Structures are given as C-alpha cells and as structure tokens.
Protein backbone atom coordinates (compact mmCIF):
# COMPACT_ATOMS: atom_id res chain seq x y z
CA UNK A 1 109.81 -4.84 36.26
CA UNK A 2 106.94 -4.32 34.35
CA UNK A 3 104.80 -3.40 37.55
CA UNK A 4 106.93 -0.90 38.35
CA UNK A 5 106.79 0.56 35.14
CA UNK A 6 103.42 0.40 35.14
CA UNK A 7 103.30 1.96 38.84
CA UNK A 8 105.51 4.63 37.84
CA UNK A 9 103.29 5.71 34.90
CA UNK A 10 100.29 5.54 36.74
CA UNK A 11 101.64 8.00 38.95
CA UNK A 12 103.00 10.23 35.72
CA UNK A 13 100.91 13.59 36.51
CA UNK A 14 100.25 13.64 32.38
CA UNK A 15 98.53 10.17 33.38
CA UNK A 16 96.80 11.27 36.25
CA UNK A 17 95.42 14.35 34.15
CA UNK A 18 94.06 12.46 31.74
CA UNK A 19 92.43 9.81 33.87
CA UNK A 20 90.92 12.81 35.93
CA UNK A 21 89.98 14.36 32.40
CA UNK A 22 88.02 11.16 31.36
CA UNK A 23 86.41 10.68 34.43
CA UNK A 24 85.16 14.66 33.94
CA UNK A 25 83.70 13.77 30.24
CA UNK A 26 82.17 10.55 31.41
CA UNK A 27 80.20 12.52 33.88
CA UNK A 28 79.13 15.53 30.94
CA UNK A 29 77.88 12.63 29.07
CA UNK A 30 75.56 11.52 31.59
CA UNK A 31 74.89 14.62 32.54
CA UNK A 32 73.91 15.72 28.89
CA UNK A 33 71.83 12.17 28.17
CA UNK A 34 70.18 12.49 31.82
CA UNK A 35 69.26 16.16 30.52
CA UNK A 36 68.36 15.24 27.29
CA UNK A 37 65.78 12.70 28.68
CA UNK A 38 63.90 14.88 31.12
CA UNK A 39 63.85 17.85 29.08
CA UNK A 40 60.40 17.63 28.02
CA UNK A 41 58.94 16.86 31.40
CA UNK A 42 60.91 19.41 33.50
CA UNK A 43 61.70 22.15 31.30
CA UNK A 44 58.37 24.18 31.51
CA UNK A 45 58.59 23.46 34.94
CA UNK A 46 61.58 25.03 35.86
CA UNK A 47 60.37 28.32 33.50
CA UNK A 48 56.92 28.41 34.90
CA UNK A 49 56.78 26.82 38.31
CA UNK A 50 53.11 26.33 39.77
CA UNK A 51 53.07 28.62 42.23
CA UNK A 52 50.75 29.57 45.24
CA UNK A 53 50.06 32.96 43.61
CA UNK A 54 46.09 33.33 44.04
CA UNK A 55 44.87 35.51 47.09
CA UNK A 56 41.76 34.53 48.34
CA UNK A 57 39.47 38.11 49.08
CA UNK A 58 35.87 36.40 49.46
CA UNK A 59 34.05 33.15 49.74
CA UNK A 60 30.89 33.16 50.65
CA UNK A 61 27.83 30.60 50.31
CA UNK A 62 25.09 33.55 49.82
CA UNK A 63 25.27 37.07 49.13
CA UNK A 64 26.42 38.75 51.97
CA UNK A 65 23.07 40.68 52.43
CA UNK A 66 21.06 37.82 52.21
CA UNK A 67 21.53 34.67 53.68
CA UNK A 68 18.31 33.31 52.62
CA UNK A 69 19.17 33.37 48.82
CA UNK A 70 21.17 29.73 48.31
CA UNK A 71 22.61 28.50 45.41
CA UNK A 72 21.88 25.10 44.07
CA UNK A 73 24.08 25.08 41.09
CA UNK A 74 25.53 27.70 39.13
CA UNK A 75 25.87 26.56 35.34
CA UNK A 76 27.07 29.99 34.41
CA UNK A 77 28.86 32.92 35.27
CA UNK A 78 29.52 36.49 33.69
CA UNK A 79 31.16 39.78 34.36
CA UNK A 80 30.05 43.18 32.68
CA UNK A 81 32.26 45.15 30.49
CA UNK A 82 33.31 47.32 33.53
CA UNK A 83 33.60 44.63 36.22
CA UNK A 84 31.15 45.43 38.42
CA UNK A 85 28.32 43.27 38.17
CA UNK A 86 28.60 39.76 38.53
CA UNK A 87 25.95 37.29 37.27
CA UNK A 88 25.03 33.89 37.90
CA UNK A 89 22.81 31.74 36.31
CA UNK A 90 21.13 28.81 38.96
CA UNK A 91 19.52 25.77 37.64
CA UNK A 92 16.98 25.02 40.55
CA UNK A 93 15.24 27.41 40.79
CA UNK A 94 15.80 28.62 37.44
CA UNK A 95 17.06 32.38 38.15
CA UNK A 96 19.95 35.03 37.78
CA UNK A 97 21.30 36.44 40.59
CA UNK A 98 23.66 39.80 39.89
CA UNK A 99 26.24 39.95 42.61
CA UNK A 100 28.19 43.16 43.41
CA UNK A 101 31.98 42.40 42.40
CA UNK A 102 33.53 44.36 45.25
CA UNK A 103 31.61 42.72 48.37
CA UNK A 104 29.28 40.26 46.55
CA UNK A 105 26.02 42.48 47.78
CA UNK A 106 22.68 41.00 46.23
CA UNK A 107 21.98 43.61 43.66
CA UNK A 108 18.97 42.04 41.86
CA UNK A 109 17.69 38.46 41.26
CA UNK A 110 14.92 37.35 38.71
CA UNK A 111 13.32 34.76 36.71
CA UNK A 112 11.02 31.81 37.69
CA UNK A 113 10.29 27.73 36.23
CA UNK A 114 8.34 28.37 32.83
CA UNK A 115 7.87 28.54 29.16
CA UNK A 116 6.92 31.63 29.03
CA UNK A 117 8.38 35.20 27.74
CA UNK A 118 11.44 35.68 30.25
CA UNK A 119 11.01 32.36 32.00
CA UNK A 120 13.44 29.87 32.55
CA UNK A 121 13.41 26.14 32.45
CA UNK A 122 15.04 23.65 34.80
CA UNK A 123 17.72 23.10 32.77
CA UNK A 124 21.44 24.41 32.15
CA UNK A 125 22.02 27.47 30.66
CA UNK A 126 24.50 30.23 29.27
CA UNK A 127 24.58 33.39 30.47
CA UNK A 128 26.59 36.46 28.97
CA UNK A 129 26.73 40.44 29.27
CA UNK A 130 27.55 42.84 26.60
CA UNK A 131 26.55 46.37 25.84
CA UNK A 132 24.55 46.78 29.32
CA UNK A 133 22.38 43.78 28.09
CA UNK A 134 21.92 40.23 30.17
CA UNK A 135 21.80 37.14 27.23
CA UNK A 136 20.73 33.81 28.86
CA UNK A 137 20.77 30.84 26.14
CA UNK A 138 18.86 27.79 26.96
CA UNK A 139 17.18 25.02 25.23
CA UNK A 140 15.87 26.69 21.70
CA UNK A 141 15.72 30.28 22.45
CA UNK A 142 18.30 33.05 23.77
CA UNK A 143 16.52 36.10 26.20
CA UNK A 144 17.59 39.24 26.25
CA UNK A 145 17.47 41.29 29.41
CA UNK A 146 18.31 44.61 31.44
CA UNK A 147 21.37 44.42 33.80
CA UNK A 148 17.99 45.57 36.44
CA UNK A 149 16.78 42.16 35.14
CA UNK A 150 14.01 43.38 32.83
CA UNK A 151 13.11 41.35 30.35
CA UNK A 152 13.70 43.13 26.49
CA UNK A 153 10.80 40.83 24.88
CA UNK A 154 12.96 39.43 22.48
CA UNK A 155 13.85 35.91 21.90
CA UNK A 156 16.11 34.67 19.28
CA UNK A 157 15.11 31.05 18.44
CA UNK A 158 17.40 28.40 17.01
CA UNK A 159 17.23 24.73 17.61
CA UNK A 160 19.80 23.03 18.93
CA UNK A 161 20.81 20.02 20.05
CA UNK A 162 23.24 18.69 23.16
CA UNK A 163 25.87 16.65 24.02
CA UNK A 164 29.28 15.95 24.93
CA UNK A 165 31.96 15.24 28.08
CA UNK A 166 31.74 19.19 29.16
CA UNK A 167 29.46 19.82 32.43
CA UNK A 168 27.83 22.27 30.30
CA UNK A 169 26.16 20.32 27.43
CA UNK A 170 26.27 23.63 24.91
CA UNK A 171 28.13 26.41 24.80
CA UNK A 172 27.40 30.10 23.56
CA UNK A 173 28.81 33.42 22.86
CA UNK A 174 27.82 36.96 21.64
CA UNK A 175 30.46 39.44 20.47
CA UNK A 176 30.03 43.06 20.60
CA UNK A 177 27.37 43.68 17.71
CA UNK A 178 25.31 41.27 19.38
CA UNK A 179 25.82 38.53 16.93
CA UNK A 180 24.40 35.05 18.75
CA UNK A 181 27.19 32.11 18.67
CA UNK A 182 26.52 28.64 19.33
CA UNK A 183 27.53 25.02 19.10
CA UNK A 184 26.36 22.92 15.92
CA UNK A 185 26.79 19.69 17.65
CA UNK A 186 25.58 17.85 14.03
CA UNK A 187 28.77 15.55 13.66
CA UNK A 188 27.83 15.63 10.40
CA UNK A 189 28.22 19.16 9.80
CA UNK A 190 31.31 20.75 8.23
CA UNK A 191 31.56 23.39 11.10
CA UNK A 192 31.37 23.75 14.43
CA UNK A 193 29.77 26.85 15.78
CA UNK A 194 27.06 28.97 14.10
CA UNK A 195 26.85 33.06 14.17
CA UNK A 196 23.53 34.73 14.12
CA UNK A 197 22.72 38.45 13.33
CA UNK A 198 19.20 39.90 14.96
CA UNK A 199 18.15 39.89 11.30
CA UNK A 200 18.34 36.53 11.70
CA UNK A 201 21.45 35.76 9.34
CA UNK A 202 23.41 32.54 10.00
CA UNK A 203 26.54 32.32 8.85
CA UNK A 204 28.80 29.05 9.71
CA UNK A 205 32.47 29.27 11.53
CA UNK A 206 35.28 26.85 13.00
CA UNK A 207 35.11 24.96 9.59
CA UNK A 208 36.66 21.39 10.59
CA UNK A 209 39.07 21.10 7.73
CA UNK A 210 41.00 24.27 9.56
CA UNK A 211 41.43 22.40 12.60
CA UNK A 212 44.22 20.34 13.69
CA UNK A 213 42.20 17.52 15.16
CA UNK A 214 41.64 14.10 14.61
CA UNK A 215 39.58 13.54 12.11
CA UNK A 216 37.91 10.19 14.06
CA UNK A 217 37.74 12.52 16.75
CA UNK A 218 34.27 14.40 15.56
CA UNK A 219 32.02 11.43 16.32
CA UNK A 220 32.51 12.07 19.67
CA UNK A 221 33.51 15.78 19.91
CA UNK A 222 32.11 18.20 22.26
CA UNK A 223 33.19 21.95 22.31
CA UNK A 224 33.66 24.65 25.03
CA UNK A 225 34.33 28.54 23.53
CA UNK A 226 34.31 31.90 24.49
CA UNK A 227 33.94 34.79 21.85
CA UNK A 228 35.67 37.78 22.05
CA UNK A 229 34.08 41.37 21.61
CA UNK A 230 35.62 41.44 17.85
CA UNK A 231 33.80 37.67 17.13
CA UNK A 232 37.43 35.68 17.42
CA UNK A 233 36.47 32.56 19.32
CA UNK A 234 38.83 30.89 21.48
CA UNK A 235 37.91 27.10 21.84
CA UNK A 236 38.98 23.75 24.25
CA UNK A 237 37.88 20.57 22.57
CA UNK A 238 36.67 17.66 24.61
CA UNK A 239 38.93 14.31 24.36
CA UNK A 240 41.67 16.81 22.43
CA UNK A 241 44.34 18.25 24.18
CA UNK A 242 44.42 21.03 21.90
CA UNK A 243 43.09 25.17 22.29
CA UNK A 244 43.03 27.56 19.34
CA UNK A 245 42.09 30.68 18.37
CA UNK A 246 40.47 32.19 15.11
CA UNK A 247 39.37 35.60 14.14
CA UNK A 248 36.07 36.19 13.24
CA UNK A 249 36.14 34.71 9.58
CA UNK A 250 37.27 31.70 11.16
CA UNK A 251 41.15 31.50 10.70
CA UNK A 252 43.11 29.68 12.80
CA UNK A 253 45.55 32.47 14.65
CA UNK A 254 47.34 29.87 16.83
CA UNK A 255 46.80 26.40 18.17
CA UNK A 256 47.74 25.04 21.75
CA UNK A 257 48.59 21.66 21.97
CA UNK A 258 48.23 20.97 26.12
CA UNK A 259 50.06 17.44 26.04
CA UNK A 260 53.16 18.99 24.35
CA UNK A 261 53.18 21.92 26.88
CA UNK A 262 51.76 20.77 29.70
CA UNK A 263 53.51 17.45 29.99
CA UNK A 264 52.36 16.92 33.84
CA UNK A 265 48.68 16.55 32.46
CA UNK A 266 49.53 13.92 29.89
CA UNK A 267 48.92 11.32 31.54
CA UNK A 268 45.39 12.53 32.30
CA UNK A 269 44.29 12.63 28.41
CA UNK A 270 45.66 8.80 27.82
CA UNK A 271 43.12 7.84 29.85
CA UNK A 272 40.97 9.92 28.63
CA UNK A 273 41.38 8.57 25.25
CA UNK A 274 41.18 5.08 27.32
CA UNK A 275 37.87 6.01 28.65
CA UNK A 276 38.93 5.80 32.04
CA UNK A 277 38.37 9.01 33.34
CA UNK A 278 36.38 12.32 32.98
CA UNK A 279 37.71 14.87 30.89
CA UNK A 280 40.34 17.14 33.20
CA UNK A 281 39.63 20.22 32.01
CA UNK A 282 37.03 21.63 34.79
CA UNK A 283 36.56 25.10 33.61
CA UNK A 284 37.10 27.31 30.85
CA UNK A 285 37.61 31.44 30.26
CA UNK A 286 38.86 33.73 27.85
CA UNK A 287 38.48 37.27 27.35
CA UNK A 288 41.12 40.03 25.54
CA UNK A 289 43.97 39.10 28.32
CA UNK A 290 43.67 35.82 29.45
CA UNK A 291 42.54 32.57 28.27
CA UNK A 292 41.96 30.26 31.30
CA UNK A 293 41.83 26.91 32.00
CA UNK A 294 41.43 24.83 35.04
CA UNK A 295 42.47 21.06 35.53
CA UNK A 296 42.29 18.25 37.88
CA UNK A 297 45.78 17.84 38.79
CA UNK A 298 45.80 14.38 39.98
CA UNK A 299 49.34 13.79 39.93
CA UNK A 300 50.33 16.53 41.62
CA UNK A 301 53.82 16.61 39.80
CA UNK A 302 53.28 20.62 39.64
CA UNK A 303 52.30 22.51 42.38
CA UNK A 304 50.71 21.21 45.88
CA UNK A 305 47.11 21.80 44.90
CA UNK A 306 44.62 19.29 43.36
CA UNK A 307 43.69 22.23 41.38
CA UNK A 308 45.54 24.21 38.69
CA UNK A 309 44.84 27.55 37.31
CA UNK A 310 46.74 27.77 33.80
CA UNK A 311 46.77 31.32 32.14
CA UNK A 312 47.32 31.78 28.55
CA UNK A 313 47.89 34.79 26.43
CA UNK A 314 45.12 35.20 24.50
CA UNK A 315 46.87 37.06 21.54
CA UNK A 316 49.60 34.71 21.32
CA UNK A 317 48.32 31.48 23.18
CA UNK A 318 51.51 31.43 25.41
CA UNK A 319 51.52 30.13 28.67
CA UNK A 320 52.23 33.10 31.41
CA UNK A 321 51.07 31.31 34.54
CA UNK A 322 50.12 28.24 36.44
CA UNK A 323 48.38 28.59 39.67
CA UNK A 324 46.88 27.73 42.82
CA UNK A 325 45.05 29.03 45.80
CA UNK A 326 47.02 28.04 49.16
CA UNK A 327 43.51 27.19 50.36
CA UNK A 328 43.50 24.43 48.03
CA UNK A 329 46.48 22.94 48.73
CA UNK A 330 46.05 19.33 49.87
CA UNK A 331 46.39 18.58 53.71
CA UNK A 332 46.93 15.13 53.73
CA UNK A 333 49.45 12.40 52.81
CA UNK A 334 50.53 11.53 49.23
CA UNK A 335 48.38 7.69 49.54
CA UNK A 336 45.62 7.04 47.08
CA UNK A 337 42.96 6.90 49.37
CA UNK A 338 43.85 10.79 50.27
CA UNK A 339 43.79 11.15 46.42
CA UNK A 340 39.80 9.85 46.74
CA UNK A 341 39.06 11.76 49.51
CA UNK A 342 41.02 15.44 49.08
CA UNK A 343 38.83 18.07 50.76
CA UNK A 344 39.75 20.14 47.78
CA UNK A 345 37.54 18.52 45.68
CA UNK A 346 35.07 20.73 47.73
CA UNK A 347 36.46 23.39 45.64
CA UNK A 348 36.67 22.54 42.21
CA UNK A 349 35.63 25.57 39.97
CA UNK A 350 33.15 25.00 37.46
CA UNK A 351 32.66 27.96 36.16
CA UNK A 352 35.13 30.95 35.88
CA UNK A 353 35.19 34.49 35.22
CA UNK A 354 37.97 37.21 34.95
CA UNK A 355 38.28 41.17 34.79
CA UNK A 356 41.14 43.19 35.51
CA UNK A 357 43.04 41.15 37.54
CA UNK A 358 40.27 39.31 39.72
CA UNK A 359 39.33 36.03 39.12
CA UNK A 360 35.92 34.82 39.77
CA UNK A 361 34.80 31.33 40.98
CA UNK A 362 32.13 28.97 41.80
CA UNK A 363 33.24 25.97 43.35
CA UNK A 364 31.08 22.90 42.86
CA UNK A 365 30.32 20.51 45.79
CA UNK A 366 30.43 23.29 48.18
CA UNK A 367 28.29 25.50 46.13
CA UNK A 368 30.18 28.25 46.82
CA UNK A 369 31.23 31.95 44.89
CA UNK A 370 35.12 32.86 45.06
CA UNK A 371 36.96 36.08 44.32
CA UNK A 372 40.51 36.16 43.72
CA UNK A 373 43.36 38.30 43.67
CA UNK A 374 45.72 37.51 40.70
CA UNK A 375 49.00 38.26 42.79
CA UNK A 376 51.28 39.11 39.41
CA UNK A 377 49.08 41.34 37.42
CA UNK A 378 49.97 44.67 37.00
C-alpha cells in the first residue's frame, strides 16, 4: 500500500514539476559556481580576443635599394613625426640607417666607430626623432644630427650607468622642447628618471614614493619608458607587472597591472619572480595614441602565435587590442620540444615603432625589418 502511495505521488504532476525545478536550480547553481571560478581567466579573453589582425606589408633583410647594407643588431628604432622616415641604430658596425617608411629604401646612412664628435661606440644606443632632429644617446653623451645625417656639433654629456633585465640596458627619451630624459639606475635615488634641459638644468621625476611598486623590487629594478611630446612618461618595469603613465610633473595618471588584466601572463611573471626565465616583455613603444607591448606567449592560452602585441590606449591605459601576425602562427604541434624549437622565435620583435596605423618591427635572430598594417585602425 505504501509503495503504491509513493508510486502515485511520483506520478503526480505537481511532484514532477517540483523535481524538474530542483534539477534546473541545481544545474544553474553549478553553472554559476563554475562561472565564478573561471571569470578571472576568461572575461578578458571573451571581451578582447587575440586576433590575427596585423597584416605584413614589407619584410626585408636589407634596404630595398641596397642589398649590401646589412644589419647586425638593431638596438633602437625611431620614426619621425610625419611618419616618413624610419631610423635604426645598428650595433656593429655602429651606424644609423634612415629608411623611407613607404618602401624601406635607404635614404642615408652615417656613423663610424670612434670617440670623437659624431662617432659611435660599439655598444647599444637609444635613438629618437623630434622637430627634424635625430638624438643618439649612447654611453655618457647625447649627440644631435639632422635627418640627413649632418652632425650638429652638440653633445649633452651626462654620466649614467647601465643594468637591468631589458636587452637595452638603459632607456632615454626627448620631449617636444628638446629636454632629454634618461633612467637613473642608482637604486638609492628617490626617483627613477632625470630630465635635462639644454641649459644643463636637471630635474628628477618618477619619484618612487608615488609609484605602486614593491619597495624591495628597487634592488633589481630596470625600467623601459617612452616620452610623449608634452613630457608625459609611460613606463614598463622589469620584474614588476606594472605599466604606468605620469604627467610632465611625475604624477601618476594611470597604472595598468598586467597580471590582473592579462591573466594568461600570470605564470610568466611568477616564473620571473622565481628567477626561472627572462622578463616576458620583449619590446615597448608609446606615442600619443597607443602604448604597445610585445610578450612571449609561451602557454598560448590566447591566440595561436607565440608572440602577442598588446595595444593600450595611452590616454586611459585601457586594453584596446591583442593581436598577432599570421606570419608568426606556429605550424608545429603542441609538444614541449616544438615549443622550444618554434620557428616563430626567429621573428621575436625586439624594437617596435608606430605611426598612423602602421607598425614597424625589428625582429631579432632573423635580423629583419618589417612593416605591418593595423587592420582595425581608422
């Protein structure tokens, strides 16, 4: 009798409806729990999906009009304010090459090894272009040239030392009124960057107390930064997953935590902290529109390429795009051996520049200079 009552209750429409409702609630609860658990990893990837959105236009080992003009190692590239000339500093032989951005024709080349006026040492250098002048910052001096290679007989001497995780051991910059910016590597200093005027006046900016960095990180801190025309500075830090922008007075305008916003890079920064791998940031560029970072995407959780280009809005610090060129897509399987032997490593970008929707890249190992079009740029 009792079994028949149970059987009847089980067949009752109300009981069946309650049973279905409980099942639905249970499934919804599991879904919410799962969504809460994975949101941090997937939210950005859904909203800003890494895409094949860089189109390769030019890829050369030498200028298109001079096959004998070989590059050994480009330590810095720069582009003029009109986007017409691309300057490259070659390590050996030490010289500056200026190309047409239209077709990578060699417009002029100058420099020779030496310690005299207008000569270069066989060591890394930073170059920049402002107001139709080319600045070459190397060792203990800054030299000025016209864009056709004429030495302007002006060296701004300033002693600085070199250290850090970046391939370029120091970084420099220049604003629209010709003030020189360089990194002060003295770990005991209260600031990170010095700004020098043409009259020799020196200011200290990027005070450590204003930055959201761990105090102990300064013992091994290196910084890669770019200077905007108005004297604002955008800086990326070695061993710290922080990108920040300051105004001309050194006050922080925005701060971008790479790990919080780009969760797929968390393991890379954890390995950096443990001393297991080199810093995953390979190249850095900033201008009034974009701040561009390139990362080694070793676990490939985002995109198909080992190399990712991350575009931030320089005004706000927001992520705009995560891109990779089709040419860098790995063709091999997912094994660890394939990861180590990945052919795309021949195209790791070490120096980049941007102007008006075009990206210029020096790719290490292959010693190639490339031009890409940003397919979304308007």
